[in-house]
Amino acid sequence: MTISEVSKNYDLSPDTLRYYERIGLIPRVERDRRGNRDYSEADCNWIQFIKCMRSAGLPIETLTEYVSLFQLGDGTRLKRKEILLKQRERLLEQMEVLQTSIRILDRKISHYDEVLFPHEKELTAASLKNEDELGA
């Protein structure tokens, strides 16, 4: 698969794909006889994994460490699993914060017409009154 096809399929720019290859996030991509990158299914699997991990908030440095450990073989399995478990814990913490925010918003939305909107009107009226008094 060409870099253009991979770029389109994974919604990543060709520059990003080249960068990921340059820093070792994806293995060196084979070239066709003209010297153009020819992405294999295995390369695309790496790209999909990296994209998923980036969406999960894993920093590039952590991903680079993970890939390096992967390339060292089975002896690094526990360390790689630890990296994934730590990120999962971070995501669960973020999810908790988001769920709290959603609950607060839901409460405000459900009371908006009866409580918040009238209060906002009072604040607007008071603000306009203060502007009038300052301008007088």
Protein backbone atom coordinates (compact mmCIF):
# COMPACT_ATOMS: atom_id res chain seq x y z
CA MET A 1 0.00 0.00 0.00
CA THR A 2 1.34 3.45 -0.83
CA ILE A 3 1.90 6.21 1.72
CA SER A 4 -1.05 8.11 0.20
CA GLU A 5 -3.37 5.15 0.67
CA VAL A 6 -2.21 4.58 4.24
CA SER A 7 -2.50 8.28 4.96
CA LYS A 8 -6.09 8.30 3.74
CA ASN A 9 -7.06 5.00 5.43
CA TYR A 10 -5.71 6.01 8.84
CA ASP A 11 -6.34 9.76 8.65
CA LEU A 12 -2.68 10.57 9.24
CA SER A 13 -0.59 12.87 7.09
CA PRO A 14 2.27 11.40 5.07
CA ASP A 15 4.62 13.58 7.15
CA THR A 16 3.29 11.97 10.34
CA LEU A 17 3.79 8.50 8.89
CA ARG A 18 7.38 9.35 7.89
CA TYR A 19 7.99 10.80 11.36
CA TYR A 20 6.64 7.67 13.07
CA GLU A 21 8.98 5.57 10.94
CA ARG A 22 11.96 7.89 11.55
CA ILE A 23 11.60 7.74 15.35
CA GLY A 24 10.99 4.01 15.37
CA LEU A 25 7.29 3.88 16.23
CA ILE A 26 6.73 1.74 13.18
CA PRO A 27 9.36 -0.58 11.74
CA ARG A 28 11.28 0.49 8.67
CA VAL A 29 8.81 0.23 5.79
CA GLU A 30 9.90 -1.76 2.75
CA ARG A 31 10.38 0.09 -0.54
CA ASP A 32 9.19 -0.85 -3.99
CA ARG A 33 11.58 -0.97 -6.96
CA ARG A 34 11.14 2.80 -7.48
CA GLY A 35 12.08 3.50 -3.85
CA ASN A 36 8.57 4.39 -2.67
CA ARG A 37 7.29 3.08 0.64
CA ASP A 38 5.20 -0.08 0.29
CA TYR A 39 3.24 -0.59 3.52
CA SER A 40 2.50 -4.19 4.46
CA GLU A 41 -0.39 -5.46 6.56
CA ALA A 42 2.01 -5.70 9.52
CA ASP A 43 3.03 -2.05 9.03
CA CYS A 44 -0.63 -1.04 8.97
CA ASN A 45 -1.26 -3.01 12.16
CA TRP A 46 1.50 -1.00 13.86
CA ILE A 47 0.01 2.24 12.56
CA GLN A 48 -3.41 1.26 13.85
CA PHE A 49 -1.94 0.38 17.25
CA ILE A 50 0.05 3.64 17.47
CA LYS A 51 -2.98 5.68 16.46
CA CYS A 52 -5.11 3.93 19.08
CA MET A 53 -2.51 4.48 21.80
CA ARG A 54 -2.11 8.16 20.84
CA SER A 55 -5.90 8.54 21.05
CA ALA A 56 -5.69 6.98 24.51
CA GLY A 57 -3.27 9.72 25.50
CA LEU A 58 0.03 7.83 25.43
CA PRO A 59 2.87 10.29 24.84
CA ILE A 60 5.21 9.67 21.90
CA GLU A 61 8.08 9.03 24.33
CA THR A 62 6.13 6.27 26.09
CA LEU A 63 5.14 4.71 22.78
CA THR A 64 8.75 4.79 21.64
CA GLU A 65 9.73 3.01 24.85
CA TYR A 66 6.97 0.43 24.32
CA VAL A 67 8.06 -0.29 20.74
CA SER A 68 11.71 -0.54 21.79
CA LEU A 69 10.77 -3.01 24.50
CA PHE A 70 8.67 -4.98 22.01
CA GLN A 71 11.64 -5.25 19.67
CA LEU A 72 13.75 -6.64 22.54
CA GLY A 73 11.45 -9.65 22.72
CA ASP A 74 9.43 -11.65 25.21
CA GLY A 75 11.65 -10.77 28.15
CA THR A 76 10.07 -7.31 28.21
CA ARG A 77 6.48 -8.53 28.26
CA LEU A 78 5.82 -7.50 31.88
CA LYS A 79 7.28 -4.03 31.37
CA ARG A 80 5.14 -3.51 28.26
CA LYS A 81 2.06 -4.69 30.11
CA GLU A 82 2.87 -2.27 32.95
CA ILE A 83 2.97 0.63 30.47
CA LEU A 84 -0.47 -0.33 29.17
CA LEU A 85 -1.90 -0.80 32.66
CA LYS A 86 -0.65 2.63 33.77
CA GLN A 87 -2.27 4.28 30.77
CA ARG A 88 -5.51 2.41 31.39
CA GLU A 89 -5.51 3.74 34.96
CA ARG A 90 -4.96 7.30 33.67
CA LEU A 91 -7.86 6.90 31.26
CA LEU A 92 -10.14 5.60 34.02
CA GLU A 93 -9.25 8.66 36.13
CA GLN A 94 -10.01 10.96 33.18
CA MET A 95 -13.27 9.11 32.58
CA GLU A 96 -14.26 9.70 36.21
CA VAL A 97 -13.59 13.43 35.85
CA LEU A 98 -15.62 13.52 32.64
CA GLN A 99 -18.52 11.62 34.21
CA THR A 100 -18.60 14.10 37.09
CA SER A 101 -18.62 17.00 34.64
CA ILE A 102 -21.44 15.39 32.66
CA ARG A 103 -23.51 14.92 35.82
CA ILE A 104 -23.02 18.59 36.75
CA LEU A 105 -23.96 19.72 33.26
CA ASP A 106 -27.02 17.47 33.23
CA ARG A 107 -28.15 18.97 36.53
CA LYS A 108 -27.66 22.52 35.24
CA ILE A 109 -29.42 21.74 31.96
CA SER A 110 -32.39 20.20 33.73
CA HIS A 111 -32.78 23.34 35.87
CA TYR A 112 -31.75 25.86 33.26
CA ASP A 113 -35.16 27.27 32.31
CA GLU A 114 -36.48 27.54 35.89
CA VAL A 115 -33.35 28.61 37.78
CA LEU A 116 -30.34 29.57 35.70
CA PHE A 117 -32.00 31.54 32.91
CA PRO A 118 -33.87 33.89 35.29
CA HIS A 119 -30.64 34.35 37.29
CA GLU A 120 -28.71 35.14 34.12
CA LYS A 121 -31.33 37.74 33.21
CA GLU A 122 -30.87 39.36 36.64
CA LEU A 123 -27.10 39.45 36.14
CA THR A 124 -27.51 41.00 32.69
CA ALA A 125 -29.90 43.63 34.03
CA ALA A 126 -27.54 44.46 36.91
CA SER A 127 -24.62 44.69 34.53
CA LEU A 128 -26.49 47.05 32.21
CA LYS A 129 -27.57 49.18 35.19
CA ASN A 130 -23.92 49.47 36.34
CA GLU A 131 -22.84 50.48 32.84
CA ASP A 132 -25.56 53.16 32.76
CA GLU A 133 -24.50 54.51 36.15
CA LEU A 134 -20.84 54.60 35.13
CA GLY A 135 -21.69 56.38 31.88
CA ALA A 136 -23.85 59.01 33.63
